[in-house]
PDB file of N, CA and C in Angstrom:
ATOM      1  N   MET A   1      -4.245  12.936  14.543  1.00  0.00           N
ATOM      2  CA  MET A   1      -3.117  13.827  14.523  1.00  0.00           C
ATOM      3  C   MET A   1      -2.028  13.361  15.283  1.00  0.00           C
ATOM      4  N   HIS A   2      -0.840  13.443  14.631  1.00  0.00           N
ATOM      5  CA  HIS A   2       0.465  12.817  15.323  1.00  0.00           C
ATOM      6  C   HIS A   2       0.812  13.728  16.535  1.00  0.00           C
ATOM      7  N   ALA A   3       1.501  13.100  17.442  1.00  0.00           N
ATOM      8  CA  ALA A   3       1.844  13.776  18.607  1.00  0.00           C
ATOM      9  C   ALA A   3       2.815  14.901  18.382  1.00  0.00           C
ATOM     10  N   ASP A   4       3.729  14.811  17.348  1.00  0.00           N
ATOM     11  CA  ASP A   4       4.683  15.946  17.115  1.00  0.00           C
ATOM     12  C   ASP A   4       3.989  17.086  16.545  1.00  0.00           C
ATOM     13  N   VAL A   5       2.976  16.889  15.716  1.00  0.00           N
ATOM     14  CA  VAL A   5       2.201  17.974  15.121  1.00  0.00           C
ATOM     15  C   VAL A   5       1.402  18.645  16.227  1.00  0.00           C
ATOM     16  N   HIS A   6       0.771  17.847  17.009  1.00  0.00           N
ATOM     17  CA  HIS A   6      -0.043  18.520  18.114  1.00  0.00           C
ATOM     18  C   HIS A   6       0.797  19.248  19.040  1.00  0.00           C
ATOM     19  N   HIS A   7       2.031  18.785  19.358  1.00  0.00           N
ATOM     20  CA  HIS A   7       2.952  19.571  20.228  1.00  0.00           C
ATOM     21  C   HIS A   7       3.381  20.869  19.574  1.00  0.00           C
ATOM     22  N   LEU A   8       3.679  20.685  18.218  1.00  0.00           N
ATOM     23  CA  LEU A   8       4.095  21.969  17.532  1.00  0.00           C
ATOM     24  C   LEU A   8       3.020  23.027  17.478  1.00  0.00           C
ATOM     25  N   LEU A   9       1.747  22.572  17.194  1.00  0.00           N
ATOM     26  CA  LEU A   9       0.642  23.577  17.181  1.00  0.00           C
ATOM     27  C   LEU A   9       0.457  24.157  18.553  1.00  0.00           C
ATOM     28  N   HIS A  10       0.507  23.310  19.638  1.00  0.00           N
ATOM     29  CA  HIS A  10       0.362  23.862  20.996  1.00  0.00           C
ATOM     30  C   HIS A  10       1.565  24.806  21.273  1.00  0.00           C
ATOM     31  N   THR A  11       2.687  24.550  20.836  1.00  0.00           N
ATOM     32  CA  THR A  11       3.819  25.475  21.181  1.00  0.00           C
ATOM     33  C   THR A  11       3.683  26.755  20.408  1.00  0.00           C
ATOM     34  N   VAL A  12       3.186  26.795  19.192  1.00  0.00           N
ATOM     35  CA  VAL A  12       2.886  27.933  18.484  1.00  0.00           C
ATOM     36  C   VAL A  12       1.760  28.734  19.060  1.00  0.00           C
ATOM     37  N   ALA A  13       0.729  28.129  19.497  1.00  0.00           N
ATOM     38  CA  ALA A  13      -0.351  28.853  20.164  1.00  0.00           C
ATOM     39  C   ALA A  13       0.011  29.448  21.488  1.00  0.00           C
ATOM     40  N   ALA A  14       0.813  28.750  22.256  1.00  0.00           N
ATOM     41  CA  ALA A  14       1.151  29.116  23.512  1.00  0.00           C
ATOM     42  C   ALA A  14       2.199  30.322  23.389  1.00  0.00           C
ATOM     43  N   ALA A  15       3.045  30.388  22.421  1.00  0.00           N
ATOM     44  CA  ALA A  15       3.993  31.503  22.128  1.00  0.00           C
ATOM     45  C   ALA A  15       3.207  32.734  21.759  1.00  0.00           C
ATOM     46  N   GLU A  16       2.159  32.486  20.894  1.00  0.00           N
ATOM     47  CA  GLU A  16       1.309  33.710  20.485  1.00  0.00           C
ATOM     48  C   GLU A  16       0.585  34.271  21.646  1.00  0.00           C
ATOM     49  N   LEU A  17       0.046  33.416  22.467  1.00  0.00           N
ATOM     50  CA  LEU A  17      -0.714  33.943  23.645  1.00  0.00           C
ATOM     51  C   LEU A  17       0.241  34.674  24.647  1.00  0.00           C
ATOM     52  N   HIS A  18       1.420  34.079  24.773  1.00  0.00           N
ATOM     53  CA  HIS A  18       2.475  34.663  25.676  1.00  0.00           C
ATOM     54  C   HIS A  18       2.894  35.960  25.209  1.00  0.00           C
ATOM     55  N   SER A  19       3.036  36.212  23.914  1.00  0.00           N
ATOM     56  CA  SER A  19       3.436  37.396  23.357  1.00  0.00           C
ATOM     57  C   SER A  19       2.352  38.574  23.517  1.00  0.00           C
ATOM     58  N   ARG A  20       1.146  38.092  23.530  1.00  0.00           N
ATOM     59  CA  ARG A  20      -0.026  39.056  23.645  1.00  0.00           C
ATOM     60  C   ARG A  20      -0.258  39.526  25.100  1.00  0.00           C
ATOM     61  N   THR A  21       0.191  38.776  26.104  1.00  0.00           N
ATOM     62  CA  THR A  21      -0.030  39.076  27.418  1.00  0.00           C
ATOM     63  C   THR A  21       0.462  40.415  27.830  1.00  0.00           C
ATOM     64  N   GLY A  22       1.512  40.892  27.294  1.00  0.00           N
ATOM     65  CA  GLY A  22       2.128  42.160  27.593  1.00  0.00           C
ATOM     66  C   GLY A  22       1.061  43.311  27.489  1.00  0.00           C
ATOM     67  N   GLU A  23       0.075  43.147  26.597  1.00  0.00           N
ATOM     68  CA  GLU A  23      -0.897  44.258  26.293  1.00  0.00           C
ATOM     69  C   GLU A  23      -1.914  44.296  27.504  1.00  0.00           C
ATOM     70  N   PHE A  24      -1.969  43.235  28.185  1.00  0.00           N
ATOM     71  CA  PHE A  24      -3.204  43.201  29.124  1.00  0.00           C
ATOM     72  C   PHE A  24      -2.639  43.060  30.584  1.00  0.00           C
ATOM     73  N   ARG A  25      -1.375  43.282  30.805  1.00  0.00           N
ATOM     74  CA  ARG A  25      -0.891  43.106  32.174  1.00  0.00           C
ATOM     75  C   ARG A  25      -1.383  44.290  33.090  1.00  0.00           C
ATOM     76  N   LEU A  26      -1.767  43.887  34.310  1.00  0.00           N
ATOM     77  CA  LEU A  26      -2.068  44.896  35.299  1.00  0.00           C
ATOM     78  C   LEU A  26      -0.900  45.224  36.201  1.00  0.00           C
ATOM     79  N   PRO A  27      -0.885  46.457  36.741  1.00  0.00           N
ATOM     80  CA  PRO A  27       0.223  46.729  37.755  1.00  0.00           C
ATOM     81  C   PRO A  27       0.060  45.943  39.043  1.00  0.00           C
ATOM     82  N   ARG A  28       0.542  44.775  39.174  1.00  0.00           N
ATOM     83  CA  ARG A  28       0.186  43.839  40.245  1.00  0.00           C
ATOM     84  C   ARG A  28       1.123  44.203  41.476  1.00  0.00           C
ATOM     85  N   ALA A  29       2.189  44.831  41.348  1.00  0.00           N
ATOM     86  CA  ALA A  29       3.095  45.129  42.461  1.00  0.00           C
ATOM     87  C   ALA A  29       2.396  45.986  43.502  1.00  0.00           C
ATOM     88  N   ASP A  30       1.742  46.925  43.057  1.00  0.00           N
ATOM     89  CA  ASP A  30       1.007  47.798  43.985  1.00  0.00           C
ATOM     90  C   ASP A  30      -0.179  47.050  44.691  1.00  0.00           C
ATOM     91  N   LEU A  31      -0.841  46.216  43.971  1.00  0.00           N
ATOM     92  CA  LEU A  31      -1.885  45.360  44.621  1.00  0.00           C
ATOM     93  C   LEU A  31      -1.261  44.371  45.629  1.00  0.00           C
ATOM     94  N   ARG A  32      -0.236  43.777  45.262  1.00  0.00           N
ATOM     95  CA  ARG A  32       0.414  42.810  46.156  1.00  0.00           C
ATOM     96  C   ARG A  32       0.875  43.512  47.395  1.00  0.00           C
ATOM     97  N   THR A  33       1.486  44.695  47.288  1.00  0.00           N
ATOM     98  CA  THR A  33       1.965  45.485  48.447  1.00  0.00           C
ATOM     99  C   THR A  33       0.809  45.825  49.402  1.00  0.00           C
ATOM    100  N   ARG A  34      -0.351  46.368  48.819  1.00  0.00           N
ATOM    101  CA  ARG A  34      -1.534  46.686  49.698  1.00  0.00           C
ATOM    102  C   ARG A  34      -2.107  45.538  50.306  1.00  0.00           C
ATOM    103  N   VAL A  35      -2.244  44.454  49.667  1.00  0.00           N
ATOM    104  CA  VAL A  35      -2.809  43.263  50.263  1.00  0.00           C
ATOM    105  C   VAL A  35      -1.915  42.690  51.368  1.00  0.00           C
ATOM    106  N   GLY A  36      -0.591  42.708  51.103  1.00  0.00           N
ATOM    107  CA  GLY A  36       0.408  42.244  52.067  1.00  0.00           C
ATOM    108  C   GLY A  36       0.285  43.107  53.365  1.00  0.00           C
ATOM    109  N   TRP A  37       0.284  44.393  53.185  1.00  0.00           N
ATOM    110  CA  TRP A  37       0.255  45.282  54.412  1.00  0.00           C
ATOM    111  C   TRP A  37      -1.062  45.088  55.154  1.00  0.00           C
ATOM    112  N   THR A  38      -2.165  44.945  54.365  1.00  0.00           N
ATOM    113  CA  THR A  38      -3.421  44.687  54.979  1.00  0.00           C
ATOM    114  C   THR A  38      -3.519  43.420  55.788  1.00  0.00           C
ATOM    115  N   LEU A  39      -2.836  42.370  55.310  1.00  0.00           N
ATOM    116  CA  LEU A  39      -2.731  41.123  56.125  1.00  0.00           C
ATOM    117  C   LEU A  39      -1.922  41.287  57.312  1.00  0.00           C
ATOM    118  N   VAL A  40      -0.796  42.086  57.241  1.00  0.00           N
ATOM    119  CA  VAL A  40      -0.023  42.330  58.443  1.00  0.00           C
ATOM    120  C   VAL A  40      -0.750  43.097  59.471  1.00  0.00           C
ATOM    121  N   GLU A  41      -1.507  44.093  58.973  1.00  0.00           N
ATOM    122  CA  GLU A  41      -2.398  44.814  59.937  1.00  0.00           C
ATOM    123  C   GLU A  41      -3.398  43.925  60.631  1.00  0.00           C
ATOM    124  N   VAL A  42      -4.090  43.161  59.844  1.00  0.00           N
ATOM    125  CA  VAL A  42      -5.013  42.290  60.460  1.00  0.00           C
ATOM    126  C   VAL A  42      -4.451  41.326  61.414  1.00  0.00           C
ATOM    127  N   GLY A  43      -3.295  40.757  61.079  1.00  0.00           N
ATOM    128  CA  GLY A  43      -2.584  39.876  62.020  1.00  0.00           C
ATOM    129  C   GLY A  43      -2.250  40.634  63.314  1.00  0.00           C
ATOM    130  N   LEU A  44      -1.775  41.820  63.225  1.00  0.00           N
ATOM    131  CA  LEU A  44      -1.377  42.586  64.426  1.00  0.00           C
ATOM    132  C   LEU A  44      -2.530  42.817  65.263  1.00  0.00           C
ATOM    133  N   ARG A  45      -3.672  43.201  64.592  1.00  0.00           N
ATOM    134  CA  ARG A  45      -4.910  43.441  65.428  1.00  0.00           C
ATOM    135  C   ARG A  45      -5.408  42.203  66.155  1.00  0.00           C
ATOM    136  N   LEU A  46      -5.273  41.075  65.495  1.00  0.00           N
ATOM    137  CA  LEU A  46      -5.743  39.761  66.014  1.00  0.00           C
ATOM    138  C   LEU A  46      -4.838  39.395  67.229  1.00  0.00           C
ATOM    139  N   THR A  47      -3.514  39.567  67.096  1.00  0.00           N
ATOM    140  CA  THR A  47      -2.626  39.227  68.215  1.00  0.00           C
ATOM    141  C   THR A  47      -2.936  40.215  69.289  1.00  0.00           C
ATOM    142  N   ALA A  48      -3.133  41.510  69.071  1.00  0.00           N
ATOM    143  CA  ALA A  48      -3.344  42.484  70.140  1.00  0.00           C
ATOM    144  C   ALA A  48      -4.615  42.085  70.935  1.00  0.00           C
ATOM    145  N   GLN A  49      -5.772  41.759  70.211  1.00  0.00           N
ATOM    146  CA  GLN A  49      -6.952  41.353  70.709  1.00  0.00           C
ATOM    147  C   GLN A  49      -6.777  40.086  71.660  1.00  0.00           C
ATOM    148  N   GLY A  50      -6.019  39.130  71.181  1.00  0.00           N
ATOM    149  CA  GLY A  50      -5.797  37.936  71.920  1.00  0.00           C
ATOM    150  C   GLY A  50      -5.009  38.259  73.155  1.00  0.00           C
ATOM    151  N   ARG A  51      -3.991  39.170  73.120  1.00  0.00           N
ATOM    152  CA  ARG A  51      -3.217  39.560  74.184  1.00  0.00           C
ATOM    153  C   ARG A  51      -4.082  40.081  75.365  1.00  0.00           C
ATOM    154  N   ASP A  52      -4.952  41.144  74.923  1.00  0.00           N
ATOM    155  CA  ASP A  52      -5.894  41.829  75.779  1.00  0.00           C
ATOM    156  C   ASP A  52      -6.879  40.903  76.487  1.00  0.00           C
ATOM    157  N   ALA A  53      -7.338  39.972  75.711  1.00  0.00           N
ATOM    158  CA  ALA A  53      -8.366  38.953  76.317  1.00  0.00           C
ATOM    159  C   ALA A  53      -7.668  38.125  77.231  1.00  0.00           C
ATOM    160  N   ALA A  54      -6.329  37.641  77.010  1.00  0.00           N
ATOM    161  CA  ALA A  54      -5.747  36.793  77.961  1.00  0.00           C
ATOM    162  C   ALA A  54      -5.420  37.555  79.257  1.00  0.00           C
ATOM    163  N   ALA A  55      -5.084  38.877  79.051  1.00  0.00           N
ATOM    164  CA  ALA A  55      -4.778  39.630  80.269  1.00  0.00           C
ATOM    165  C   ALA A  55      -6.004  39.816  81.146  1.00  0.00           C
ATOM    166  N   THR A  56      -7.143  39.946  80.465  1.00  0.00           N
ATOM    167  CA  THR A  56      -8.387  40.162  81.232  1.00  0.00           C
ATOM    168  C   THR A  56      -8.761  38.804  81.972  1.00  0.00           C
ATOM    169  N   ARG A  57      -8.488  37.618  81.349  1.00  0.00           N
ATOM    170  CA  ARG A  57      -8.874  36.399  82.041  1.00  0.00           C
ATOM    171  C   ARG A  57      -7.902  36.223  83.153  1.00  0.00           C
ATOM    172  N   ALA A  58      -6.614  36.547  82.918  1.00  0.00           N
ATOM    173  CA  ALA A  58      -5.620  36.401  84.050  1.00  0.00           C
ATOM    174  C   ALA A  58      -5.876  37.292  85.187  1.00  0.00           C
ATOM    175  N   ALA A  59      -6.369  38.437  84.964  1.00  0.00           N
ATOM    176  CA  ALA A  59      -6.755  39.434  86.063  1.00  0.00           C
ATOM    177  C   ALA A  59      -7.957  38.957  86.831  1.00  0.00           C
ATOM    178  N   ALA A  60      -8.791  38.304  86.140  1.00  0.00           N
ATOM    179  CA  ALA A  60     -10.150  37.847  86.740  1.00  0.00           C
ATOM    180  C   ALA A  60      -9.909  36.609  87.651  1.00  0.00           C
ATOM    181  N   PHE A  61      -8.760  35.830  87.374  1.00  0.00           N
ATOM    182  CA  PHE A  61      -8.475  34.598  88.028  1.00  0.00           C
ATOM    183  C   PHE A  61      -7.742  35.009  89.336  1.00  0.00           C
ATOM    184  N   ARG A  62      -8.397  34.512  90.456  1.00  0.00           N
ATOM    185  CA  ARG A  62      -7.689  34.690  91.755  1.00  0.00           C
ATOM    186  C   ARG A  62      -7.646  33.411  92.501  1.00  0.00           C
ATOM    187  N   PRO A  63      -6.454  32.909  92.738  1.00  0.00           N
ATOM    188  CA  PRO A  63      -6.367  31.662  93.415  1.00  0.00           C
ATOM    189  C   PRO A  63      -6.847  31.787  94.902  1.00  0.00           C
ATOM    190  N   ALA A  64      -7.443  30.762  95.383  1.00  0.00           N
ATOM    191  CA  ALA A  64      -8.026  30.701  96.706  1.00  0.00           C
ATOM    192  C   ALA A  64      -6.977  30.610  97.775  1.00  0.00           C
TER     193      ALA A  64
END
């Protein structure tokens, strides 16, 4: 098969698949928003735990 014919067939197949994707799209904006805020919440919890643990270690340390 010639490269030009192969490229043309690939272009036609890709265009057909691309036109059919609209039927199967999921509402991703809501999912992205929920995942993003979940990651922010987890990050804030991790930093708060780290801050509390560091404060506990600093309070336990008493110089001689």
